[in-house]
N, C-alpha and C. Protein backbone atom coordinates (compact mmCIF):
# COMPACT_ATOMS: atom_id res chain seq x y z
N UNK A 1 -29.84 -37.50 -1.97
CA UNK A 1 -28.83 -36.67 -2.48
C UNK A 1 -29.36 -35.25 -2.68
N UNK A 2 -28.51 -34.24 -2.22
CA UNK A 2 -29.01 -32.88 -2.30
C UNK A 2 -28.96 -32.39 -3.81
N UNK A 3 -29.86 -31.48 -4.04
CA UNK A 3 -29.92 -30.79 -5.39
C UNK A 3 -28.60 -30.10 -5.65
N UNK A 4 -28.05 -30.29 -6.80
CA UNK A 4 -26.75 -29.64 -7.15
C UNK A 4 -26.86 -28.11 -7.06
N UNK A 5 -28.04 -27.60 -7.14
CA UNK A 5 -28.19 -26.18 -7.18
C UNK A 5 -28.83 -25.66 -5.85
N UNK A 6 -28.65 -26.41 -4.77
CA UNK A 6 -29.23 -26.09 -3.47
C UNK A 6 -28.25 -25.23 -2.66
N UNK A 7 -28.03 -24.02 -3.19
CA UNK A 7 -27.15 -23.04 -2.51
C UNK A 7 -27.88 -21.69 -2.58
N UNK A 8 -27.36 -20.72 -1.90
CA UNK A 8 -27.92 -19.39 -2.00
C UNK A 8 -27.98 -18.88 -3.42
N UNK A 9 -26.95 -19.30 -4.26
CA UNK A 9 -26.97 -18.84 -5.63
C UNK A 9 -28.08 -19.61 -6.41
N UNK A 10 -28.35 -20.88 -6.09
CA UNK A 10 -29.48 -21.55 -6.71
C UNK A 10 -30.80 -20.89 -6.36
N UNK A 11 -30.86 -20.41 -5.11
CA UNK A 11 -32.13 -19.68 -4.69
C UNK A 11 -32.28 -18.39 -5.44
N UNK A 12 -31.16 -17.73 -5.74
CA UNK A 12 -31.21 -16.47 -6.54
C UNK A 12 -31.59 -16.83 -7.95
N UNK A 13 -31.04 -17.88 -8.53
CA UNK A 13 -31.37 -18.30 -9.88
C UNK A 13 -32.81 -18.61 -10.02
N UNK A 14 -33.43 -19.26 -8.99
CA UNK A 14 -34.84 -19.67 -9.05
C UNK A 14 -35.75 -18.50 -8.63
N UNK A 15 -35.25 -17.36 -8.30
CA UNK A 15 -36.05 -16.21 -7.93
C UNK A 15 -36.67 -16.32 -6.50
N UNK A 16 -36.10 -17.23 -5.68
CA UNK A 16 -36.64 -17.41 -4.28
C UNK A 16 -36.11 -16.31 -3.39
N UNK A 17 -34.97 -15.73 -3.65
CA UNK A 17 -34.50 -14.57 -2.90
C UNK A 17 -34.07 -13.53 -3.83
N UNK A 18 -34.20 -12.27 -3.48
CA UNK A 18 -33.95 -11.19 -4.45
C UNK A 18 -32.43 -10.92 -4.55
N UNK A 19 -32.05 -10.43 -5.72
CA UNK A 19 -30.68 -9.97 -5.94
C UNK A 19 -30.69 -8.77 -6.84
N UNK A 20 -29.68 -7.95 -6.71
CA UNK A 20 -29.56 -6.75 -7.59
C UNK A 20 -28.81 -7.20 -8.82
N UNK A 21 -29.52 -7.74 -9.85
CA UNK A 21 -28.96 -8.33 -11.00
C UNK A 21 -28.60 -7.18 -11.91
N UNK A 22 -27.31 -7.22 -12.38
CA UNK A 22 -26.76 -6.22 -13.31
C UNK A 22 -26.55 -6.75 -14.71
N UNK A 23 -26.59 -8.07 -14.91
CA UNK A 23 -26.44 -8.65 -16.20
C UNK A 23 -27.06 -10.07 -16.14
N UNK A 24 -27.63 -10.43 -17.26
CA UNK A 24 -28.06 -11.90 -17.41
C UNK A 24 -28.16 -12.28 -18.83
N UNK A 25 -27.89 -13.51 -19.12
CA UNK A 25 -28.10 -14.12 -20.42
C UNK A 25 -28.44 -15.57 -20.22
N UNK A 26 -28.47 -16.39 -21.29
CA UNK A 26 -28.91 -17.76 -21.16
C UNK A 26 -27.93 -18.63 -20.37
N UNK A 27 -26.67 -18.19 -20.22
CA UNK A 27 -25.64 -19.00 -19.51
C UNK A 27 -25.31 -18.50 -18.12
N UNK A 28 -25.48 -17.20 -17.88
CA UNK A 28 -24.96 -16.60 -16.70
C UNK A 28 -25.81 -15.49 -16.15
N UNK A 29 -25.61 -15.17 -14.89
CA UNK A 29 -26.17 -13.91 -14.34
C UNK A 29 -25.05 -13.27 -13.50
N UNK A 30 -25.21 -11.97 -13.33
CA UNK A 30 -24.27 -11.18 -12.48
C UNK A 30 -25.06 -10.30 -11.58
N UNK A 31 -24.72 -10.26 -10.33
CA UNK A 31 -25.38 -9.41 -9.36
C UNK A 31 -24.46 -8.88 -8.33
N UNK A 32 -24.87 -7.79 -7.71
CA UNK A 32 -24.09 -7.15 -6.70
C UNK A 32 -23.91 -7.99 -5.43
N UNK A 33 -22.72 -8.05 -4.89
CA UNK A 33 -22.47 -8.77 -3.66
C UNK A 33 -23.13 -8.00 -2.49
N UNK A 34 -23.73 -8.78 -1.59
CA UNK A 34 -24.41 -8.14 -0.44
C UNK A 34 -23.47 -7.60 0.63
N UNK A 35 -22.21 -8.06 0.61
CA UNK A 35 -21.19 -7.57 1.50
C UNK A 35 -19.97 -7.15 0.68
N UNK A 36 -20.16 -6.06 -0.07
CA UNK A 36 -19.04 -5.65 -0.98
C UNK A 36 -17.68 -5.40 -0.33
N UNK A 37 -16.65 -5.78 -1.00
CA UNK A 37 -15.31 -5.59 -0.56
C UNK A 37 -14.60 -4.44 -1.33
N UNK A 38 -15.30 -3.87 -2.21
CA UNK A 38 -14.78 -2.73 -3.01
C UNK A 38 -15.99 -1.91 -3.44
N UNK A 39 -15.74 -0.72 -3.99
CA UNK A 39 -16.77 0.16 -4.47
C UNK A 39 -17.68 -0.54 -5.45
N UNK A 40 -17.09 -1.34 -6.32
CA UNK A 40 -17.83 -2.25 -7.23
C UNK A 40 -17.53 -3.66 -6.83
N UNK A 41 -18.52 -4.46 -6.52
CA UNK A 41 -18.25 -5.85 -6.20
C UNK A 41 -19.48 -6.63 -6.75
N UNK A 42 -19.22 -7.28 -7.92
CA UNK A 42 -20.31 -8.01 -8.65
C UNK A 42 -19.89 -9.45 -8.71
N UNK A 43 -20.85 -10.33 -8.47
CA UNK A 43 -20.59 -11.76 -8.61
C UNK A 43 -21.14 -12.28 -9.97
N UNK A 44 -20.35 -13.02 -10.68
CA UNK A 44 -20.73 -13.59 -11.95
C UNK A 44 -20.89 -15.14 -11.75
N UNK A 45 -22.02 -15.71 -12.04
CA UNK A 45 -22.21 -17.14 -11.84
C UNK A 45 -22.86 -17.76 -13.05
N UNK A 46 -22.53 -19.07 -13.28
CA UNK A 46 -23.21 -19.82 -14.32
C UNK A 46 -24.57 -20.21 -13.88
N UNK A 47 -25.48 -20.35 -14.82
CA UNK A 47 -26.81 -20.90 -14.46
C UNK A 47 -26.68 -22.36 -14.15
N UNK A 48 -25.77 -23.07 -14.82
CA UNK A 48 -25.52 -24.46 -14.54
C UNK A 48 -24.63 -24.59 -13.27
N UNK A 49 -25.03 -25.29 -12.27
CA UNK A 49 -24.28 -25.31 -11.04
C UNK A 49 -22.98 -26.19 -11.04
N UNK A 50 -21.92 -25.61 -11.48
CA UNK A 50 -20.56 -26.15 -11.38
C UNK A 50 -20.08 -25.77 -10.00
N UNK A 51 -19.56 -26.77 -9.18
CA UNK A 51 -19.22 -26.45 -7.88
C UNK A 51 -18.06 -25.49 -7.67
N UNK A 52 -17.01 -25.60 -8.46
CA UNK A 52 -15.89 -24.67 -8.41
C UNK A 52 -15.07 -24.80 -9.73
N UNK A 53 -14.09 -23.95 -9.85
CA UNK A 53 -13.20 -24.06 -11.02
C UNK A 53 -12.51 -25.42 -11.02
N UNK A 54 -12.23 -26.00 -9.88
CA UNK A 54 -11.57 -27.31 -9.80
C UNK A 54 -12.48 -28.43 -10.25
N UNK A 55 -13.77 -28.19 -10.23
CA UNK A 55 -14.77 -29.21 -10.68
C UNK A 55 -15.22 -29.05 -12.08
N UNK A 56 -14.71 -28.01 -12.77
CA UNK A 56 -15.05 -27.79 -14.17
C UNK A 56 -14.25 -28.76 -15.00
N UNK A 57 -14.91 -29.39 -15.97
CA UNK A 57 -14.26 -30.33 -16.83
C UNK A 57 -14.03 -29.76 -18.23
N UNK A 58 -13.44 -30.61 -19.08
CA UNK A 58 -13.24 -30.18 -20.49
C UNK A 58 -14.49 -29.71 -21.20
N UNK A 59 -15.63 -30.25 -20.85
CA UNK A 59 -16.88 -29.77 -21.48
C UNK A 59 -17.31 -28.45 -20.97
N UNK A 60 -16.66 -27.87 -19.96
CA UNK A 60 -17.06 -26.59 -19.42
C UNK A 60 -16.17 -25.46 -19.94
N UNK A 61 -15.23 -25.76 -20.82
CA UNK A 61 -14.32 -24.69 -21.32
C UNK A 61 -14.99 -23.52 -21.94
N UNK A 62 -16.00 -23.82 -22.79
CA UNK A 62 -16.74 -22.70 -23.41
C UNK A 62 -17.47 -21.89 -22.39
N UNK A 63 -18.03 -22.50 -21.42
CA UNK A 63 -18.77 -21.84 -20.34
C UNK A 63 -17.77 -20.94 -19.57
N UNK A 64 -16.58 -21.44 -19.27
CA UNK A 64 -15.62 -20.66 -18.54
C UNK A 64 -15.21 -19.43 -19.29
N UNK A 65 -14.98 -19.59 -20.55
CA UNK A 65 -14.62 -18.44 -21.43
C UNK A 65 -15.77 -17.45 -21.45
N UNK A 66 -17.04 -17.96 -21.53
CA UNK A 66 -18.15 -17.04 -21.54
C UNK A 66 -18.24 -16.27 -20.18
N UNK A 67 -18.01 -16.96 -19.13
CA UNK A 67 -18.08 -16.25 -17.79
C UNK A 67 -17.04 -15.15 -17.70
N UNK A 68 -15.82 -15.43 -18.21
CA UNK A 68 -14.83 -14.39 -18.16
C UNK A 68 -15.20 -13.24 -19.07
N UNK A 69 -15.83 -13.52 -20.19
CA UNK A 69 -16.32 -12.44 -21.02
C UNK A 69 -17.44 -11.65 -20.32
N UNK A 70 -18.22 -12.30 -19.54
CA UNK A 70 -19.25 -11.54 -18.74
C UNK A 70 -18.57 -10.65 -17.75
N UNK A 71 -17.48 -11.16 -17.13
CA UNK A 71 -16.78 -10.36 -16.21
C UNK A 71 -16.29 -9.03 -16.83
N UNK A 72 -15.71 -9.17 -18.01
CA UNK A 72 -15.25 -8.03 -18.79
C UNK A 72 -16.43 -7.07 -19.07
N UNK A 73 -17.55 -7.64 -19.55
CA UNK A 73 -18.67 -6.82 -19.85
C UNK A 73 -19.20 -6.05 -18.60
N UNK A 74 -19.23 -6.74 -17.46
CA UNK A 74 -19.67 -6.12 -16.22
C UNK A 74 -18.70 -4.98 -15.83
N UNK A 75 -17.39 -5.20 -15.98
CA UNK A 75 -16.44 -4.12 -15.66
C UNK A 75 -16.69 -2.91 -16.57
N UNK A 76 -16.95 -3.13 -17.80
CA UNK A 76 -17.22 -2.02 -18.70
C UNK A 76 -18.53 -1.31 -18.30
N UNK A 77 -19.54 -2.12 -18.07
CA UNK A 77 -20.82 -1.60 -17.69
C UNK A 77 -20.78 -0.79 -16.41
N UNK A 78 -19.95 -1.22 -15.42
CA UNK A 78 -19.84 -0.60 -14.11
C UNK A 78 -18.86 0.58 -14.17
N UNK A 79 -18.19 0.84 -15.26
CA UNK A 79 -17.34 1.96 -15.38
C UNK A 79 -15.90 1.79 -14.75
N UNK A 80 -15.47 0.53 -14.58
CA UNK A 80 -14.19 0.29 -13.95
C UNK A 80 -13.18 -0.31 -14.96
N UNK A 81 -13.57 -0.56 -16.20
CA UNK A 81 -12.68 -1.21 -17.17
C UNK A 81 -11.47 -0.30 -17.44
N UNK A 82 -11.62 0.96 -17.52
CA UNK A 82 -10.48 1.83 -17.86
C UNK A 82 -9.47 2.02 -16.72
N UNK A 83 -9.95 2.02 -15.45
CA UNK A 83 -9.02 2.27 -14.34
C UNK A 83 -8.41 1.01 -13.84
N UNK A 84 -8.98 -0.12 -14.17
CA UNK A 84 -8.54 -1.43 -13.72
C UNK A 84 -9.48 -2.10 -12.70
N UNK A 85 -9.40 -3.35 -12.67
CA UNK A 85 -10.27 -4.16 -11.79
C UNK A 85 -9.63 -5.48 -11.53
N UNK A 86 -10.18 -6.29 -10.62
CA UNK A 86 -9.73 -7.65 -10.30
C UNK A 86 -10.86 -8.61 -10.52
N UNK A 87 -10.50 -9.81 -11.07
CA UNK A 87 -11.44 -10.92 -11.16
C UNK A 87 -10.88 -12.09 -10.30
N UNK A 88 -11.67 -12.59 -9.35
CA UNK A 88 -11.23 -13.57 -8.42
C UNK A 88 -12.24 -14.70 -8.36
N UNK A 89 -11.71 -15.93 -8.32
CA UNK A 89 -12.57 -17.07 -7.96
C UNK A 89 -11.85 -17.84 -6.84
N UNK A 90 -12.64 -18.20 -5.83
CA UNK A 90 -12.13 -18.92 -4.69
C UNK A 90 -12.45 -20.45 -4.87
N UNK A 91 -11.51 -21.29 -4.43
CA UNK A 91 -11.69 -22.73 -4.61
C UNK A 91 -11.45 -23.39 -3.26
N UNK A 92 -12.46 -24.05 -2.76
CA UNK A 92 -12.30 -24.85 -1.48
C UNK A 92 -12.21 -23.93 -0.28
N UNK A 93 -12.27 -24.59 0.91
CA UNK A 93 -12.22 -23.84 2.15
C UNK A 93 -11.01 -22.96 2.41
N UNK A 94 -9.84 -23.58 2.17
CA UNK A 94 -8.62 -22.72 2.32
C UNK A 94 -8.50 -21.62 1.36
N UNK A 95 -9.15 -21.74 0.19
CA UNK A 95 -9.16 -20.69 -0.79
C UNK A 95 -10.22 -19.66 -0.55
N UNK A 96 -10.99 -19.82 0.47
CA UNK A 96 -12.06 -18.84 0.79
C UNK A 96 -13.44 -19.03 0.17
N UNK A 97 -13.64 -20.22 -0.47
CA UNK A 97 -14.91 -20.47 -1.10
C UNK A 97 -15.97 -20.68 -0.02
N UNK A 98 -17.03 -19.91 -0.07
CA UNK A 98 -18.08 -20.06 0.93
C UNK A 98 -19.39 -20.56 0.35
N UNK A 99 -19.53 -20.54 -0.99
CA UNK A 99 -20.75 -21.09 -1.65
C UNK A 99 -20.26 -22.10 -2.66
N UNK A 100 -20.80 -23.33 -2.61
CA UNK A 100 -20.38 -24.36 -3.54
C UNK A 100 -21.10 -24.20 -4.88
N UNK A 101 -20.84 -23.15 -5.57
CA UNK A 101 -21.36 -22.84 -6.88
C UNK A 101 -20.31 -21.89 -7.48
N UNK A 102 -19.67 -22.32 -8.56
CA UNK A 102 -18.65 -21.51 -9.18
C UNK A 102 -19.11 -20.08 -9.31
N UNK A 103 -18.26 -19.14 -8.96
CA UNK A 103 -18.55 -17.69 -9.06
C UNK A 103 -17.27 -16.89 -9.17
N UNK A 104 -17.35 -15.85 -9.92
CA UNK A 104 -16.25 -14.92 -10.08
C UNK A 104 -16.67 -13.61 -9.45
N UNK A 105 -15.71 -13.06 -8.70
CA UNK A 105 -15.89 -11.68 -8.12
C UNK A 105 -15.26 -10.70 -9.06
N UNK A 106 -16.00 -9.70 -9.46
CA UNK A 106 -15.44 -8.56 -10.17
C UNK A 106 -15.39 -7.41 -9.18
N UNK A 107 -14.17 -6.96 -8.91
CA UNK A 107 -13.92 -5.95 -7.91
C UNK A 107 -13.18 -4.75 -8.48
N UNK A 108 -13.67 -3.56 -8.13
CA UNK A 108 -12.97 -2.36 -8.67
C UNK A 108 -13.51 -1.14 -8.01
N UNK A 109 -13.14 -0.05 -8.60
CA UNK A 109 -13.56 1.26 -8.07
C UNK A 109 -12.61 1.82 -7.01
N UNK A 110 -11.63 1.04 -6.70
CA UNK A 110 -10.53 1.51 -5.79
C UNK A 110 -9.28 0.77 -6.10
N UNK A 111 -8.15 1.23 -5.58
CA UNK A 111 -6.88 0.58 -5.86
C UNK A 111 -6.81 -0.71 -5.07
N UNK A 112 -6.46 -1.77 -5.76
CA UNK A 112 -6.36 -3.12 -5.11
C UNK A 112 -4.98 -3.34 -4.57
N UNK A 113 -4.87 -3.90 -3.41
CA UNK A 113 -3.55 -4.14 -2.74
C UNK A 113 -3.03 -5.55 -3.19
N UNK A 114 -1.74 -5.78 -2.89
CA UNK A 114 -1.16 -7.05 -3.11
C UNK A 114 -0.19 -7.33 -2.10
N UNK A 115 -0.09 -8.48 -1.48
CA UNK A 115 -0.88 -9.67 -1.77
C UNK A 115 -2.27 -9.53 -1.30
N UNK A 116 -3.20 -10.26 -1.98
CA UNK A 116 -4.62 -10.08 -1.70
C UNK A 116 -5.10 -10.71 -0.42
N UNK A 117 -4.49 -11.72 0.09
CA UNK A 117 -5.03 -12.47 1.23
C UNK A 117 -4.36 -12.16 2.50
């Protein structure tokens, strides 16, 4: 059985590959996306490897709230809170999830279009 944290994000968490970390605490880290889709594009991930939002259970509710709070803190830190920003999580292949580790994209610094996909 593969390690639940055997993803690129697990490698970042273990310090095996570098990342431009902009926030970290005991539950989460946030780092700049290597292929940004906006002027500000930061990923917020939990240290505990939950596969996706669909895999989060009732015991993960506090963690999910914490991660959304980190998204807000990152937006403030990056200077996009006042002008507006987007928080996105992708679930499964059709939803665009490319890494099997829950993550939120904090996107801003430009006007976002709708529909997004």
